[in-house]
Structures are given as C-alpha cells and as structure tokens.
Amino acid sequence: MKIPATFKVVFWVVVGFTFVSFVGLGYLAIYGDTANAEAELSFFQRQFHSACNFGWQTGLGAILGLIGGKVTD
C-alpha cells in the first residue's frame, strides 16, 4: 500500500498535537497547584486543563479515524 506524503504530514501533525496535550496535562499534574477540589484551581489552570483534555481526546479520535480511513482505502 502506497501512503501519500500529505497523509503522512497530517498524521504526524495530529500525533504531535496529541502528544503536546498529554505533556500539558502531565505538566499540570506535576507542577499545578495542590488543590483538593477543581473549584480551588485558578481560572487559567482550569482553562489549560480543559484545553489539554479536549486536545488529547480529539487527537486520539483523529488518529483512529485516519488509520481507519487508510485501512479501508
């Protein structure tokens, strides 16, 4: 099966985006405030957590979709 260069670029960009989101969540888990409840986190930490959480979920779905689409091709 021949894989076009554009597919490889899109795939690796999505993988990179997903990886950066995971790293962001890890950074927040290690270096974030030691709050016991989500309401105690700062506004920016809550927004950062939401963005990274959305990023890895979307990225994982996109990776599976790209692989699934390429398999059926």
C-alpha atoms as a PDB file:
ATOM      1  CA  MET A   1       0.000   0.000   0.000  1.00  0.00           C
ATOM      2  CA  LYS A   2       1.403   3.375  -1.009  1.00  0.00           C
ATOM      3  CA  ILE A   3       0.868   6.174   1.512  1.00  0.00           C
ATOM      4  CA  PRO A   4       0.867   9.724   0.112  1.00  0.00           C
ATOM      5  CA  ALA A   5       3.181  12.320   1.632  1.00  0.00           C
ATOM      6  CA  THR A   6       0.253  14.588   2.534  1.00  0.00           C
ATOM      7  CA  PHE A   7      -1.299  11.824   4.622  1.00  0.00           C
ATOM      8  CA  LYS A   8       1.980  11.334   6.489  1.00  0.00           C
ATOM      9  CA  VAL A   9       2.224  15.057   7.235  1.00  0.00           C
ATOM     10  CA  VAL A  10      -1.345  15.250   8.523  1.00  0.00           C
ATOM     11  CA  PHE A  11      -0.906  12.083  10.568  1.00  0.00           C
ATOM     12  CA  TRP A  12       2.294  13.290  12.257  1.00  0.00           C
ATOM     13  CA  VAL A  13       0.819  16.726  12.959  1.00  0.00           C
ATOM     14  CA  VAL A  14      -2.133  15.087  14.701  1.00  0.00           C
ATOM     15  CA  VAL A  15       0.183  12.762  16.646  1.00  0.00           C
ATOM     16  CA  GLY A  16       2.270  15.776  17.696  1.00  0.00           C
ATOM     17  CA  PHE A  17      -0.823  17.715  18.754  1.00  0.00           C
ATOM     18  CA  THR A  18      -1.994  14.754  20.839  1.00  0.00           C
ATOM     19  CA  PHE A  19       1.445  14.335  22.426  1.00  0.00           C
ATOM     20  CA  VAL A  20       1.641  18.027  23.340  1.00  0.00           C
ATOM     21  CA  SER A  21      -1.780  17.760  25.003  1.00  0.00           C
ATOM     22  CA  PHE A  22      -0.602  14.771  27.073  1.00  0.00           C
ATOM     23  CA  VAL A  23       2.551  16.646  28.078  1.00  0.00           C
ATOM     24  CA  GLY A  24       0.427  19.645  29.077  1.00  0.00           C
ATOM     25  CA  LEU A  25      -1.739  17.512  31.338  1.00  0.00           C
ATOM     26  CA  GLY A  26       1.345  15.917  32.852  1.00  0.00           C
ATOM     27  CA  TYR A  27       2.876  19.329  33.462  1.00  0.00           C
ATOM     28  CA  LEU A  28      -0.291  20.486  35.185  1.00  0.00           C
ATOM     29  CA  ALA A  29      -0.431  17.325  37.290  1.00  0.00           C
ATOM     30  CA  ILE A  30       3.162  17.718  38.447  1.00  0.00           C
ATOM     31  CA  TYR A  31       3.583  21.485  38.723  1.00  0.00           C
ATOM     32  CA  GLY A  32      -0.008  22.688  39.197  1.00  0.00           C
ATOM     33  CA  ASP A  33      -1.496  23.884  42.440  1.00  0.00           C
ATOM     34  CA  THR A  34      -2.093  21.254  45.076  1.00  0.00           C
ATOM     35  CA  ALA A  35      -5.803  21.931  45.245  1.00  0.00           C
ATOM     36  CA  ASN A  36      -8.120  19.248  46.591  1.00  0.00           C
ATOM     37  CA  ALA A  37     -11.113  20.323  44.534  1.00  0.00           C
ATOM     38  CA  GLU A  38     -11.435  21.635  40.994  1.00  0.00           C
ATOM     39  CA  ALA A  39     -13.102  24.802  42.275  1.00  0.00           C
ATOM     40  CA  GLU A  40      -9.869  25.672  44.124  1.00  0.00           C
ATOM     41  CA  LEU A  41      -7.793  25.762  40.925  1.00  0.00           C
ATOM     42  CA  SER A  42      -7.062  29.092  39.304  1.00  0.00           C
ATOM     43  CA  PHE A  43      -9.047  30.148  36.252  1.00  0.00           C
ATOM     44  CA  PHE A  44      -6.091  29.679  33.917  1.00  0.00           C
ATOM     45  CA  GLN A  45      -5.309  26.209  35.239  1.00  0.00           C
ATOM     46  CA  ARG A  46      -8.920  25.131  34.694  1.00  0.00           C
ATOM     47  CA  GLN A  47      -8.824  26.508  31.145  1.00  0.00           C
ATOM     48  CA  PHE A  48      -5.462  24.859  30.461  1.00  0.00           C
ATOM     49  CA  HIS A  49      -6.771  21.539  31.789  1.00  0.00           C
ATOM     50  CA  SER A  50      -9.882  21.789  29.621  1.00  0.00           C
ATOM     51  CA  ALA A  51      -7.853  22.615  26.502  1.00  0.00           C
ATOM     52  CA  CYS A  52      -5.396  19.756  27.035  1.00  0.00           C
ATOM     53  CA  ASN A  53      -8.160  17.307  27.874  1.00  0.00           C
ATOM     54  CA  PHE A  54     -10.037  18.264  24.707  1.00  0.00           C
ATOM     55  CA  GLY A  55      -6.795  18.078  22.727  1.00  0.00           C
ATOM     56  CA  TRP A  56      -5.867  14.510  23.592  1.00  0.00           C
ATOM     57  CA  GLN A  57      -9.433  13.260  23.162  1.00  0.00           C
ATOM     58  CA  THR A  58      -9.780  14.913  19.777  1.00  0.00           C
ATOM     59  CA  GLY A  59      -6.295  13.846  18.738  1.00  0.00           C
ATOM     60  CA  LEU A  60      -6.884  10.211  19.654  1.00  0.00           C
ATOM     61  CA  GLY A  61     -10.157  10.208  17.715  1.00  0.00           C
ATOM     62  CA  ALA A  62      -8.442  11.787  14.718  1.00  0.00           C
ATOM     63  CA  ILE A  63      -5.619   9.230  14.804  1.00  0.00           C
ATOM     64  CA  LEU A  64      -8.077   6.353  14.893  1.00  0.00           C
ATOM     65  CA  GLY A  65     -10.111   7.955  12.112  1.00  0.00           C
ATOM     66  CA  LEU A  66      -7.057   8.488   9.924  1.00  0.00           C
ATOM     67  CA  ILE A  67      -5.852   4.919  10.431  1.00  0.00           C
ATOM     68  CA  GLY A  68      -9.350   3.518   9.860  1.00  0.00           C
ATOM     69  CA  GLY A  69      -9.795   5.586   6.732  1.00  0.00           C
ATOM     70  CA  LYS A  70      -6.439   4.478   5.363  1.00  0.00           C
ATOM     71  CA  VAL A  71      -7.183   0.798   6.063  1.00  0.00           C
ATOM     72  CA  THR A  72     -10.395   0.921   4.055  1.00  0.00           C
ATOM     73  CA  ASP A  73      -8.657   2.720   1.189  1.00  0.00           C
END
